């Protein structure tokens, strides 16, 4: 079990990251050239196989064990009237997932993926970010540990997602604190289309930014002051995956915002991740652009729960099936194409 006693220990773990296996990645491209197709004609599918190989550290990547982890938490910022829903909805959605009744359950089965949902901090809400740091240092580190230790070795692919009323406000606040801008720039409707909630979310982000200006140069403190328990857990899980050589599919806006600080701490910090889909939340495209990570699909989804990541798993499986199952030019009795 990993323990982070101090922010300094966590910071060091974010700096000491293993690099990708370039030899394994390159081997996939060499093999792709010999498969029975015009070179490069499968486009991004070929790049996805290379990405899997680079981070699994093997030239023949596998997708036999896929794990979807959904972290759940509640947020004190809901006191700012940023959503018409209350924290009981978070608990209800956890129950639905545990009863196999949510969208993510169906998508996980379709992807043949293990699904786990983990309530963080017993669903006790964070403090209101408008007034104080969301978490104490101890609370933040414990949430990061919860995410880190939830990731087990020998997973071929980790998909991250979340459940938490109020967390699109948190995603906007994290993004603004990390990359600049104000509430109007980062906030959109979330689960409610009512204008009053959009306005309240924007105001909450702006108030939090004004309240916590003194820590805006420290990515980890931004996570502690502006984040949430499930966001901290997703950060920890993404960090663990890097140290365990596991590629990661991120879900939408909230998930991407939760791990964004890892790249601020280390320019290569998110190289083992892919954003699965472009969320309908307007801040997600802006955030992805700031990170230099571009979503694989854009299906106008905004449910959360890891549904976007689960939707993309069959796409990865298709890419890998072509790589492992296609005949080569030699198999077909043909000369390889001229490079």
C-alpha atoms as a PDB file:
ATOM      1  CA  UNK A   1       0.000   0.000   0.000  1.00  0.00           C
ATOM      2  CA  UNK A   2       1.315   3.395  -0.969  1.00  0.00           C
ATOM      3  CA  UNK A   3       1.421   6.088   1.688  1.00  0.00           C
ATOM      4  CA  UNK A   4       1.997   9.770   1.067  1.00  0.00           C
ATOM      5  CA  UNK A   5       2.846  11.420   4.361  1.00  0.00           C
ATOM      6  CA  UNK A   6       3.548  14.858   2.893  1.00  0.00           C
ATOM      7  CA  UNK A   7       2.908  16.890  -0.229  1.00  0.00           C
ATOM      8  CA  UNK A   8       6.656  16.757  -0.833  1.00  0.00           C
ATOM      9  CA  UNK A   9       6.530  12.961  -1.085  1.00  0.00           C
ATOM     10  CA  UNK A  10       3.640  13.140  -3.523  1.00  0.00           C
ATOM     11  CA  UNK A  11       5.409  15.806  -5.548  1.00  0.00           C
ATOM     12  CA  UNK A  12       8.483  13.597  -5.868  1.00  0.00           C
ATOM     13  CA  UNK A  13       6.358  10.677  -7.060  1.00  0.00           C
ATOM     14  CA  UNK A  14       4.989  12.973  -9.769  1.00  0.00           C
ATOM     15  CA  UNK A  15       8.494  13.941 -10.854  1.00  0.00           C
ATOM     16  CA  UNK A  16      10.034  10.450 -10.827  1.00  0.00           C
ATOM     17  CA  UNK A  17       7.976   8.950 -13.641  1.00  0.00           C
ATOM     18  CA  UNK A  18       9.004   6.032 -15.851  1.00  0.00           C
ATOM     19  CA  UNK A  19       9.300   6.870 -19.528  1.00  0.00           C
ATOM     20  CA  UNK A  20       7.643   4.998 -22.359  1.00  0.00           C
ATOM     21  CA  UNK A  21       9.248   2.008 -24.068  1.00  0.00           C
ATOM     22  CA  UNK A  22      10.201   3.543 -27.403  1.00  0.00           C
ATOM     23  CA  UNK A  23      11.547   0.255 -28.770  1.00  0.00           C
ATOM     24  CA  UNK A  24       8.226  -1.517 -28.261  1.00  0.00           C
ATOM     25  CA  UNK A  25       6.343   1.395 -29.758  1.00  0.00           C
ATOM     26  CA  UNK A  26       8.575   1.493 -32.830  1.00  0.00           C
ATOM     27  CA  UNK A  27       8.279  -2.278 -33.251  1.00  0.00           C
ATOM     28  CA  UNK A  28       4.535  -1.907 -33.761  1.00  0.00           C
ATOM     29  CA  UNK A  29       5.072   0.585 -36.573  1.00  0.00           C
ATOM     30  CA  UNK A  30       7.578  -1.723 -38.247  1.00  0.00           C
ATOM     31  CA  UNK A  31       5.086  -4.582 -38.067  1.00  0.00           C
ATOM     32  CA  UNK A  32       2.284  -2.350 -39.358  1.00  0.00           C
ATOM     33  CA  UNK A  33       4.349  -1.716 -42.505  1.00  0.00           C
ATOM     34  CA  UNK A  34       4.304  -5.448 -43.268  1.00  0.00           C
ATOM     35  CA  UNK A  35       0.560  -5.956 -42.808  1.00  0.00           C
ATOM     36  CA  UNK A  36      -1.638  -6.382 -45.860  1.00  0.00           C
ATOM     37  CA  UNK A  37      -2.658  -2.760 -46.350  1.00  0.00           C
ATOM     38  CA  UNK A  38      -1.179   0.457 -47.653  1.00  0.00           C
ATOM     39  CA  UNK A  39       1.287   1.775 -45.062  1.00  0.00           C
ATOM     40  CA  UNK A  40      -0.397   4.044 -42.538  1.00  0.00           C
ATOM     41  CA  UNK A  41      -3.850   3.442 -43.995  1.00  0.00           C
ATOM     42  CA  UNK A  42      -5.426   2.598 -40.628  1.00  0.00           C
ATOM     43  CA  UNK A  43      -4.471   6.048 -39.414  1.00  0.00           C
ATOM     44  CA  UNK A  44      -5.069   6.687 -35.750  1.00  0.00           C
ATOM     45  CA  UNK A  45      -5.790   2.999 -35.123  1.00  0.00           C
ATOM     46  CA  UNK A  46      -2.117   2.317 -35.784  1.00  0.00           C
ATOM     47  CA  UNK A  47      -1.068   5.073 -33.398  1.00  0.00           C
ATOM     48  CA  UNK A  48      -3.293   3.656 -30.667  1.00  0.00           C
ATOM     49  CA  UNK A  49      -1.534   0.300 -30.909  1.00  0.00           C
ATOM     50  CA  UNK A  50       1.799   2.090 -30.653  1.00  0.00           C
ATOM     51  CA  UNK A  51       0.573   3.947 -27.577  1.00  0.00           C
ATOM     52  CA  UNK A  52      -0.547   0.719 -25.900  1.00  0.00           C
ATOM     53  CA  UNK A  53       2.790  -0.917 -26.657  1.00  0.00           C
ATOM     54  CA  UNK A  54       4.799   2.049 -25.395  1.00  0.00           C
ATOM     55  CA  UNK A  55       3.121   2.087 -21.997  1.00  0.00           C
ATOM     56  CA  UNK A  56       2.559  -1.640 -21.530  1.00  0.00           C
ATOM     57  CA  UNK A  57       6.239  -1.928 -22.449  1.00  0.00           C
ATOM     58  CA  UNK A  58       5.743  -4.802 -24.899  1.00  0.00           C
ATOM     59  CA  UNK A  59       5.647  -4.909 -28.695  1.00  0.00           C
ATOM     60  CA  UNK A  60       2.594  -7.184 -28.696  1.00  0.00           C
ATOM     61  CA  UNK A  61       0.173  -5.264 -26.455  1.00  0.00           C
ATOM     62  CA  UNK A  62      -2.883  -6.946 -24.970  1.00  0.00           C
ATOM     63  CA  UNK A  63      -6.339  -5.910 -23.823  1.00  0.00           C
ATOM     64  CA  UNK A  64      -7.282  -8.984 -21.845  1.00  0.00           C
ATOM     65  CA  UNK A  65      -7.828  -7.244 -18.528  1.00  0.00           C
ATOM     66  CA  UNK A  66      -9.522  -3.860 -18.609  1.00  0.00           C
ATOM     67  CA  UNK A  67     -10.573  -2.135 -15.411  1.00  0.00           C
ATOM     68  CA  UNK A  68     -13.009   0.772 -15.120  1.00  0.00           C
ATOM     69  CA  UNK A  69     -12.824   2.539 -11.763  1.00  0.00           C
ATOM     70  CA  UNK A  70     -15.460   5.098 -10.839  1.00  0.00           C
ATOM     71  CA  UNK A  71     -14.624   7.325  -7.875  1.00  0.00           C
ATOM     72  CA  UNK A  72     -17.479   9.064  -6.083  1.00  0.00           C
ATOM     73  CA  UNK A  73     -17.492  12.119  -3.836  1.00  0.00           C
ATOM     74  CA  UNK A  74     -19.496  15.113  -2.685  1.00  0.00           C
ATOM     75  CA  UNK A  75     -18.746  18.822  -2.688  1.00  0.00           C
ATOM     76  CA  UNK A  76     -19.276  21.696  -0.297  1.00  0.00           C
ATOM     77  CA  UNK A  77     -19.545  24.122  -3.202  1.00  0.00           C
ATOM     78  CA  UNK A  78     -23.121  22.936  -3.750  1.00  0.00           C
ATOM     79  CA  UNK A  79     -23.979  25.411  -0.963  1.00  0.00           C
ATOM     80  CA  UNK A  80     -23.501  28.100  -3.637  1.00  0.00           C
ATOM     81  CA  UNK A  81     -26.637  26.839  -5.426  1.00  0.00           C
ATOM     82  CA  UNK A  82     -24.666  25.583  -8.419  1.00  0.00           C
ATOM     83  CA  UNK A  83     -26.964  22.632  -9.087  1.00  0.00           C
ATOM     84  CA  UNK A  84     -30.619  21.731  -8.500  1.00  0.00           C
ATOM     85  CA  UNK A  85     -29.535  18.336  -7.151  1.00  0.00           C
ATOM     86  CA  UNK A  86     -28.289  17.408  -3.699  1.00  0.00           C
ATOM     87  CA  UNK A  87     -25.682  14.989  -2.430  1.00  0.00           C
ATOM     88  CA  UNK A  88     -28.188  12.158  -2.068  1.00  0.00           C
ATOM     89  CA  UNK A  89     -28.048  11.740  -5.846  1.00  0.00           C
ATOM     90  CA  UNK A  90     -24.407  10.688  -5.582  1.00  0.00           C
ATOM     91  CA  UNK A  91     -25.351   7.886  -3.203  1.00  0.00           C
ATOM     92  CA  UNK A  92     -28.293   6.891  -5.388  1.00  0.00           C
ATOM     93  CA  UNK A  93     -26.063   6.599  -8.460  1.00  0.00           C
ATOM     94  CA  UNK A  94     -23.591   4.438  -6.566  1.00  0.00           C
ATOM     95  CA  UNK A  95     -26.480   2.153  -5.647  1.00  0.00           C
ATOM     96  CA  UNK A  96     -27.601   2.001  -9.273  1.00  0.00           C
ATOM     97  CA  UNK A  97     -24.105   1.055 -10.405  1.00  0.00           C
ATOM     98  CA  UNK A  98     -23.885  -1.612  -7.716  1.00  0.00           C
ATOM     99  CA  UNK A  99     -27.273  -2.940  -8.885  1.00  0.00           C
ATOM    100  CA  UNK A 100     -26.133  -3.099 -12.518  1.00  0.00           C
ATOM    101  CA  UNK A 101     -28.633  -0.423 -13.482  1.00  0.00           C
ATOM    102  CA  UNK A 102     -26.546   2.479 -14.780  1.00  0.00           C
ATOM    103  CA  UNK A 103     -25.315   3.275 -18.273  1.00  0.00           C
ATOM    104  CA  UNK A 104     -21.755   2.466 -17.281  1.00  0.00           C
ATOM    105  CA  UNK A 105     -22.748  -1.066 -16.321  1.00  0.00           C
ATOM    106  CA  UNK A 106     -24.028  -1.764 -19.812  1.00  0.00           C
ATOM    107  CA  UNK A 107     -21.017  -0.197 -21.503  1.00  0.00           C
ATOM    108  CA  UNK A 108     -18.615  -2.064 -19.212  1.00  0.00           C
ATOM    109  CA  UNK A 109     -20.259  -5.373 -20.100  1.00  0.00           C
ATOM    110  CA  UNK A 110     -20.092  -4.493 -23.774  1.00  0.00           C
ATOM    111  CA  UNK A 111     -16.375  -3.788 -23.370  1.00  0.00           C
ATOM    112  CA  UNK A 112     -15.855  -6.944 -21.280  1.00  0.00           C
ATOM    113  CA  UNK A 113     -14.312  -4.774 -18.589  1.00  0.00           C
ATOM    114  CA  UNK A 114     -14.202  -5.097 -14.823  1.00  0.00           C
ATOM    115  CA  UNK A 115     -16.177  -2.293 -13.162  1.00  0.00           C
ATOM    116  CA  UNK A 116     -15.626  -0.908  -9.683  1.00  0.00           C
ATOM    117  CA  UNK A 117     -17.181   2.077  -7.930  1.00  0.00           C
ATOM    118  CA  UNK A 118     -15.369   3.521  -4.917  1.00  0.00           C
ATOM    119  CA  UNK A 119     -16.902   6.141  -2.589  1.00  0.00           C
ATOM    120  CA  UNK A 120     -14.111   8.397  -1.335  1.00  0.00           C
ATOM    121  CA  UNK A 121     -14.059   9.733   2.242  1.00  0.00           C
ATOM    122  CA  UNK A 122     -17.358   7.942   2.920  1.00  0.00           C
ATOM    123  CA  UNK A 123     -19.052  10.536   0.687  1.00  0.00           C
ATOM    124  CA  UNK A 124     -18.517  13.246   3.291  1.00  0.00           C
ATOM    125  CA  UNK A 125     -18.431  16.512   1.330  1.00  0.00           C
ATOM    126  CA  UNK A 126     -15.402  18.711   0.942  1.00  0.00           C
ATOM    127  CA  UNK A 127     -15.355  22.190   2.386  1.00  0.00           C
ATOM    128  CA  UNK A 128     -16.815  24.950   0.216  1.00  0.00           C
ATOM    129  CA  UNK A 129     -14.007  26.141  -2.088  1.00  0.00           C
ATOM    130  CA  UNK A 130     -15.466  29.655  -2.088  1.00  0.00           C
ATOM    131  CA  UNK A 131     -14.637  30.001   1.606  1.00  0.00           C
ATOM    132  CA  UNK A 132     -11.705  27.703   2.364  1.00  0.00           C
ATOM    133  CA  UNK A 133      -9.511  24.947   0.943  1.00  0.00           C
ATOM    134  CA  UNK A 134     -11.606  21.997  -0.174  1.00  0.00           C
ATOM    135  CA  UNK A 135      -9.438  19.615   1.842  1.00  0.00           C
ATOM    136  CA  UNK A 136      -6.819  19.686   4.542  1.00  0.00           C
ATOM    137  CA  UNK A 137      -3.436  18.369   3.505  1.00  0.00           C
ATOM    138  CA  UNK A 138      -4.142  15.100   5.311  1.00  0.00           C
ATOM    139  CA  UNK A 139      -7.547  14.688   3.670  1.00  0.00           C
ATOM    140  CA  UNK A 140      -6.117  15.405   0.245  1.00  0.00           C
ATOM    141  CA  UNK A 141      -3.252  12.948   0.627  1.00  0.00           C
ATOM    142  CA  UNK A 142      -5.598  10.250   1.921  1.00  0.00           C
ATOM    143  CA  UNK A 143      -7.837  10.705  -1.116  1.00  0.00           C
ATOM    144  CA  UNK A 144      -4.843  10.499  -3.452  1.00  0.00           C
ATOM    145  CA  UNK A 145      -3.759   7.330  -1.648  1.00  0.00           C
ATOM    146  CA  UNK A 146      -7.243   5.849  -2.053  1.00  0.00           C
ATOM    147  CA  UNK A 147      -6.988   6.289  -5.795  1.00  0.00           C
ATOM    148  CA  UNK A 148      -3.390   5.167  -6.030  1.00  0.00           C
ATOM    149  CA  UNK A 149      -4.002   1.969  -4.066  1.00  0.00           C
ATOM    150  CA  UNK A 150      -7.162   1.141  -6.014  1.00  0.00           C
ATOM    151  CA  UNK A 151      -5.047   0.374  -9.090  1.00  0.00           C
ATOM    152  CA  UNK A 152      -3.760  -3.184  -9.161  1.00  0.00           C
ATOM    153  CA  UNK A 153      -0.809  -4.463 -11.214  1.00  0.00           C
ATOM    154  CA  UNK A 154      -1.214  -6.464 -14.416  1.00  0.00           C
ATOM    155  CA  UNK A 155      -4.130  -4.417 -15.746  1.00  0.00           C
ATOM    156  CA  UNK A 156      -3.813  -3.903 -19.490  1.00  0.00           C
ATOM    157  CA  UNK A 157      -5.881  -0.707 -19.548  1.00  0.00           C
ATOM    158  CA  UNK A 158      -7.347   1.542 -16.854  1.00  0.00           C
ATOM    159  CA  UNK A 159     -10.451   3.629 -17.518  1.00  0.00           C
ATOM    160  CA  UNK A 160     -11.213   6.418 -15.056  1.00  0.00           C
ATOM    161  CA  UNK A 161     -14.555   8.027 -14.282  1.00  0.00           C
ATOM    162  CA  UNK A 162     -16.488   9.763 -11.523  1.00  0.00           C
ATOM    163  CA  UNK A 163     -19.805  10.401  -9.829  1.00  0.00           C
ATOM    164  CA  UNK A 164     -20.333  13.539  -7.745  1.00  0.00           C
ATOM    165  CA  UNK A 165     -22.970  16.232  -7.609  1.00  0.00           C
ATOM    166  CA  UNK A 166     -21.303  19.614  -8.065  1.00  0.00           C
ATOM    167  CA  UNK A 167     -18.150  18.308  -9.670  1.00  0.00           C
ATOM    168  CA  UNK A 168     -18.471  20.151 -12.980  1.00  0.00           C
ATOM    169  CA  UNK A 169     -18.110  23.339 -10.940  1.00  0.00           C
ATOM    170  CA  UNK A 170     -15.001  21.804  -9.402  1.00  0.00           C
ATOM    171  CA  UNK A 171     -13.650  20.880 -12.840  1.00  0.00           C
ATOM    172  CA  UNK A 172     -14.111  24.461 -14.008  1.00  0.00           C
ATOM    173  CA  UNK A 173     -12.408  25.795 -10.880  1.00  0.00           C
ATOM    174  CA  UNK A 174      -9.444  23.440 -11.226  1.00  0.00           C
ATOM    175  CA  UNK A 175      -9.055  24.340 -14.896  1.00  0.00           C
ATOM    176  CA  UNK A 176      -9.212  28.071 -14.255  1.00  0.00           C
ATOM    177  CA  UNK A 177      -6.730  27.823 -11.394  1.00  0.00           C
ATOM    178  CA  UNK A 178      -4.278  25.771 -13.461  1.00  0.00           C
ATOM    179  CA  UNK A 179      -4.554  27.544 -16.811  1.00  0.00           C
ATOM    180  CA  UNK A 180      -6.057  30.962 -16.150  1.00  0.00           C
ATOM    181  CA  UNK A 181      -9.339  32.516 -17.142  1.00  0.00           C
ATOM    182  CA  UNK A 182     -12.526  33.047 -15.187  1.00  0.00           C
ATOM    183  CA  UNK A 183     -15.797  31.312 -14.490  1.00  0.00           C
ATOM    184  CA  UNK A 184     -17.460  32.506 -17.681  1.00  0.00           C
ATOM    185  CA  UNK A 185     -14.664  30.965 -19.717  1.00  0.00           C
ATOM    186  CA  UNK A 186     -14.792  27.526 -18.115  1.00  0.00           C
ATOM    187  CA  UNK A 187     -18.375  26.977 -16.952  1.00  0.00           C
ATOM    188  CA  UNK A 188     -21.288  25.527 -18.872  1.00  0.00           C
ATOM    189  CA  UNK A 189     -24.575  23.984 -17.896  1.00  0.00           C
ATOM    190  CA  UNK A 190     -23.503  20.670 -16.341  1.00  0.00           C
ATOM    191  CA  UNK A 191     -26.528  18.599 -15.351  1.00  0.00           C
ATOM    192  CA  UNK A 192     -28.814  21.641 -15.388  1.00  0.00           C
ATOM    193  CA  UNK A 193     -29.712  23.974 -18.231  1.00  0.00           C
ATOM    194  CA  UNK A 194     -31.249  26.617 -15.958  1.00  0.00           C
ATOM    195  CA  UNK A 195     -29.411  29.950 -16.414  1.00  0.00           C
ATOM    196  CA  UNK A 196     -29.386  30.680 -12.683  1.00  0.00           C
ATOM    197  CA  UNK A 197     -27.225  27.644 -11.985  1.00  0.00           C
ATOM    198  CA  UNK A 198     -24.791  28.516 -14.755  1.00  0.00           C
ATOM    199  CA  UNK A 199     -24.459  32.029 -13.328  1.00  0.00           C
ATOM    200  CA  UNK A 200     -23.987  30.685  -9.815  1.00  0.00           C
ATOM    201  CA  UNK A 201     -21.301  28.280 -10.996  1.00  0.00           C
ATOM    202  CA  UNK A 202     -19.421  31.086 -12.713  1.00  0.00           C
ATOM    203  CA  UNK A 203     -19.621  33.239  -9.599  1.00  0.00           C
ATOM    204  CA  UNK A 204     -18.446  30.377  -7.398  1.00  0.00           C
ATOM    205  CA  UNK A 205     -15.388  29.813  -9.573  1.00  0.00           C
ATOM    206  CA  UNK A 206     -14.529  33.516  -9.578  1.00  0.00           C
ATOM    207  CA  UNK A 207     -14.943  33.803  -5.807  1.00  0.00           C
ATOM    208  CA  UNK A 208     -12.741  30.766  -5.238  1.00  0.00           C
ATOM    209  CA  UNK A 209     -10.037  32.152  -7.516  1.00  0.00           C
ATOM    210  CA  UNK A 210     -10.074  35.446  -5.633  1.00  0.00           C
ATOM    211  CA  UNK A 211     -10.029  33.679  -2.265  1.00  0.00           C
ATOM    212  CA  UNK A 212      -7.042  31.466  -3.040  1.00  0.00           C
ATOM    213  CA  UNK A 213      -4.764  33.622  -5.187  1.00  0.00           C
ATOM    214  CA  UNK A 214      -1.770  32.929  -2.973  1.00  0.00           C
ATOM    215  CA  UNK A 215      -1.457  29.258  -3.986  1.00  0.00           C
ATOM    216  CA  UNK A 216      -2.089  29.509  -7.731  1.00  0.00           C
ATOM    217  CA  UNK A 217       1.566  28.784  -8.545  1.00  0.00           C
ATOM    218  CA  UNK A 218       1.466  25.307  -6.948  1.00  0.00           C
ATOM    219  CA  UNK A 219      -0.385  22.572  -8.890  1.00  0.00           C
ATOM    220  CA  UNK A 220      -0.732  20.246  -5.901  1.00  0.00           C
ATOM    221  CA  UNK A 221      -2.107  22.987  -3.693  1.00  0.00           C
ATOM    222  CA  UNK A 222      -4.536  23.865  -6.485  1.00  0.00           C
ATOM    223  CA  UNK A 223      -5.775  20.272  -6.348  1.00  0.00           C
ATOM    224  CA  UNK A 224      -6.182  20.533  -2.588  1.00  0.00           C
ATOM    225  CA  UNK A 225      -7.833  23.945  -2.520  1.00  0.00           C
ATOM    226  CA  UNK A 226     -10.060  23.678  -5.607  1.00  0.00           C
ATOM    227  CA  UNK A 227     -10.582  19.950  -6.040  1.00  0.00           C
ATOM    228  CA  UNK A 228     -12.587  17.202  -4.445  1.00  0.00           C
ATOM    229  CA  UNK A 229     -12.154  13.764  -2.965  1.00  0.00           C
ATOM    230  CA  UNK A 230     -12.983  11.880  -6.168  1.00  0.00           C
ATOM    231  CA  UNK A 231     -10.773  14.236  -8.188  1.00  0.00           C
ATOM    232  CA  UNK A 232      -7.850  13.594  -5.843  1.00  0.00           C
ATOM    233  CA  UNK A 233      -8.488   9.862  -6.123  1.00  0.00           C
ATOM    234  CA  UNK A 234      -8.468  10.012  -9.931  1.00  0.00           C
ATOM    235  CA  UNK A 235      -5.184  11.938  -9.750  1.00  0.00           C
ATOM    236  CA  UNK A 236      -3.761   9.192  -7.545  1.00  0.00           C
ATOM    237  CA  UNK A 237      -5.026   6.438  -9.827  1.00  0.00           C
ATOM    238  CA  UNK A 238      -3.491   8.040 -12.915  1.00  0.00           C
ATOM    239  CA  UNK A 239      -0.193   8.411 -11.050  1.00  0.00           C
ATOM    240  CA  UNK A 240      -0.266   4.776  -9.931  1.00  0.00           C
ATOM    241  CA  UNK A 241      -0.983   3.604 -13.462  1.00  0.00           C
ATOM    242  CA  UNK A 242       2.108   5.427 -14.708  1.00  0.00           C
ATOM    243  CA  UNK A 243       4.298   3.720 -12.127  1.00  0.00           C
ATOM    244  CA  UNK A 244       2.715   0.333 -12.961  1.00  0.00           C
ATOM    245  CA  UNK A 245       3.074   0.663 -16.761  1.00  0.00           C
ATOM    246  CA  UNK A 246      -0.665   0.833 -17.391  1.00  0.00           C
ATOM    247  CA  UNK A 247      -2.111   3.059 -20.135  1.00  0.00           C
ATOM    248  CA  UNK A 248      -5.121   5.119 -19.077  1.00  0.00           C
ATOM    249  CA  UNK A 249      -8.305   6.222 -20.818  1.00  0.00           C
ATOM    250  CA  UNK A 250      -9.663   9.384 -19.235  1.00  0.00           C
ATOM    251  CA  UNK A 251     -13.368  10.153 -19.327  1.00  0.00           C
ATOM    252  CA  UNK A 252     -14.655  13.704 -19.821  1.00  0.00           C
ATOM    253  CA  UNK A 253     -14.205  17.191 -18.383  1.00  0.00           C
ATOM    254  CA  UNK A 254     -14.175  16.301 -14.692  1.00  0.00           C
ATOM    255  CA  UNK A 255     -11.755  13.435 -15.118  1.00  0.00           C
ATOM    256  CA  UNK A 256      -9.408  15.442 -17.331  1.00  0.00           C
ATOM    257  CA  UNK A 257      -9.422  18.369 -14.904  1.00  0.00           C
ATOM    258  CA  UNK A 258      -8.697  16.020 -12.010  1.00  0.00           C
ATOM    259  CA  UNK A 259      -5.436  14.796 -13.520  1.00  0.00           C
ATOM    260  CA  UNK A 260      -4.337  17.979 -15.325  1.00  0.00           C
ATOM    261  CA  UNK A 261      -2.019  19.030 -12.506  1.00  0.00           C
ATOM    262  CA  UNK A 262       0.113  15.972 -13.189  1.00  0.00           C
ATOM    263  CA  UNK A 263       1.218  17.548 -16.465  1.00  0.00           C
ATOM    264  CA  UNK A 264       1.807  20.896 -14.740  1.00  0.00           C
ATOM    265  CA  UNK A 265       4.156  19.110 -12.344  1.00  0.00           C
ATOM    266  CA  UNK A 266       5.862  17.053 -15.037  1.00  0.00           C
ATOM    267  CA  UNK A 267       5.580  17.833 -18.765  1.00  0.00           C
ATOM    268  CA  UNK A 268       5.380  14.091 -19.524  1.00  0.00           C
ATOM    269  CA  UNK A 269       2.935  13.426 -16.707  1.00  0.00           C
ATOM    270  CA  UNK A 270      -0.047  12.582 -18.894  1.00  0.00           C
ATOM    271  CA  UNK A 271       1.752  10.925 -21.809  1.00  0.00           C
ATOM    272  CA  UNK A 272       0.387   7.527 -20.734  1.00  0.00           C
ATOM    273  CA  UNK A 273      -3.191   8.821 -20.954  1.00  0.00           C
ATOM    274  CA  UNK A 274      -5.668   9.456 -23.741  1.00  0.00           C
ATOM    275  CA  UNK A 275      -8.803  11.565 -23.440  1.00  0.00           C
ATOM    276  CA  UNK A 276     -11.482   9.160 -24.594  1.00  0.00           C
ATOM    277  CA  UNK A 277     -14.070  11.679 -25.743  1.00  0.00           C
ATOM    278  CA  UNK A 278     -14.783  15.373 -26.045  1.00  0.00           C
ATOM    279  CA  UNK A 279     -17.404  16.222 -23.459  1.00  0.00           C
ATOM    280  CA  UNK A 280     -20.337  18.485 -24.244  1.00  0.00           C
ATOM    281  CA  UNK A 281     -19.053  20.680 -21.383  1.00  0.00           C
ATOM    282  CA  UNK A 282     -17.513  23.671 -23.156  1.00  0.00           C
ATOM    283  CA  UNK A 283     -14.509  23.806 -20.850  1.00  0.00           C
ATOM    284  CA  UNK A 284     -13.346  20.384 -21.940  1.00  0.00           C
ATOM    285  CA  UNK A 285     -12.147  21.437 -25.390  1.00  0.00           C
ATOM    286  CA  UNK A 286     -10.296  24.385 -23.879  1.00  0.00           C
ATOM    287  CA  UNK A 287      -8.720  22.151 -21.256  1.00  0.00           C
ATOM    288  CA  UNK A 288      -7.716  19.501 -23.778  1.00  0.00           C
ATOM    289  CA  UNK A 289      -6.088  22.187 -25.902  1.00  0.00           C
ATOM    290  CA  UNK A 290      -4.113  23.509 -22.953  1.00  0.00           C
ATOM    291  CA  UNK A 291      -2.894  19.984 -22.227  1.00  0.00           C
ATOM    292  CA  UNK A 292      -2.129  19.145 -25.851  1.00  0.00           C
ATOM    293  CA  UNK A 293      -4.288  16.036 -25.526  1.00  0.00           C
ATOM    294  CA  UNK A 294      -6.985  15.569 -28.111  1.00  0.00           C
ATOM    295  CA  UNK A 295     -10.073  13.436 -27.530  1.00  0.00           C
ATOM    296  CA  UNK A 296     -10.502  10.288 -29.592  1.00  0.00           C
ATOM    297  CA  UNK A 297     -14.219  10.774 -30.281  1.00  0.00           C
ATOM    298  CA  UNK A 298     -16.807  13.541 -29.979  1.00  0.00           C
ATOM    299  CA  UNK A 299     -20.261  12.085 -29.301  1.00  0.00           C
ATOM    300  CA  UNK A 300     -21.774  15.016 -27.364  1.00  0.00           C
ATOM    301  CA  UNK A 301     -21.706  12.975 -24.145  1.00  0.00           C
ATOM    302  CA  UNK A 302     -21.760  14.562 -20.675  1.00  0.00           C
ATOM    303  CA  UNK A 303     -22.963  11.837 -18.328  1.00  0.00           C
ATOM    304  CA  UNK A 304     -19.744  11.068 -16.512  1.00  0.00           C
ATOM    305  CA  UNK A 305     -19.471   7.656 -14.801  1.00  0.00           C
ATOM    306  CA  UNK A 306     -16.629   6.719 -17.157  1.00  0.00           C
ATOM    307  CA  UNK A 307     -19.133   6.225 -19.967  1.00  0.00           C
ATOM    308  CA  UNK A 308     -17.004   7.965 -22.586  1.00  0.00           C
ATOM    309  CA  UNK A 309     -13.955   5.888 -21.706  1.00  0.00           C
ATOM    310  CA  UNK A 310     -15.972   2.667 -21.799  1.00  0.00           C
ATOM    311  CA  UNK A 311     -17.403   3.643 -25.186  1.00  0.00           C
ATOM    312  CA  UNK A 312     -13.896   3.905 -26.640  1.00  0.00           C
ATOM    313  CA  UNK A 313     -12.660   0.514 -25.380  1.00  0.00           C
ATOM    314  CA  UNK A 314     -14.128  -1.411 -28.359  1.00  0.00           C
ATOM    315  CA  UNK A 315     -12.345   1.024 -30.668  1.00  0.00           C
ATOM    316  CA  UNK A 316      -9.030   0.130 -29.031  1.00  0.00           C
ATOM    317  CA  UNK A 317      -9.885  -3.546 -29.289  1.00  0.00           C
ATOM    318  CA  UNK A 318     -10.566  -3.113 -32.990  1.00  0.00           C
ATOM    319  CA  UNK A 319      -7.209  -1.432 -33.488  1.00  0.00           C
ATOM    320  CA  UNK A 320      -5.461  -4.263 -31.669  1.00  0.00           C
ATOM    321  CA  UNK A 321      -7.437  -6.940 -33.535  1.00  0.00           C
ATOM    322  CA  UNK A 322      -6.186  -5.576 -36.849  1.00  0.00           C
ATOM    323  CA  UNK A 323      -2.634  -5.500 -35.549  1.00  0.00           C
ATOM    324  CA  UNK A 324      -2.666  -9.062 -34.226  1.00  0.00           C
ATOM    325  CA  UNK A 325      -4.976 -10.745 -36.731  1.00  0.00           C
ATOM    326  CA  UNK A 326      -4.204  -9.346 -40.169  1.00  0.00           C
ATOM    327  CA  UNK A 327      -2.115 -11.262 -42.641  1.00  0.00           C
ATOM    328  CA  UNK A 328       1.149  -9.825 -43.837  1.00  0.00           C
ATOM    329  CA  UNK A 329       2.210  -9.314 -47.430  1.00  0.00           C
ATOM    330  CA  UNK A 330       4.385 -12.408 -47.001  1.00  0.00           C
ATOM    331  CA  UNK A 331       1.374 -14.454 -45.854  1.00  0.00           C
ATOM    332  CA  UNK A 332      -0.430 -13.408 -49.033  1.00  0.00           C
ATOM    333  CA  UNK A 333       2.549 -14.246 -51.228  1.00  0.00           C
ATOM    334  CA  UNK A 334       3.114 -10.622 -52.149  1.00  0.00           C
ATOM    335  CA  UNK A 335       6.204  -8.453 -51.950  1.00  0.00           C
ATOM    336  CA  UNK A 336       6.120  -5.783 -49.227  1.00  0.00           C
ATOM    337  CA  UNK A 337       5.352  -2.237 -50.351  1.00  0.00           C
ATOM    338  CA  UNK A 338       8.242  -0.008 -51.251  1.00  0.00           C
ATOM    339  CA  UNK A 339       8.936   2.529 -48.531  1.00  0.00           C
END
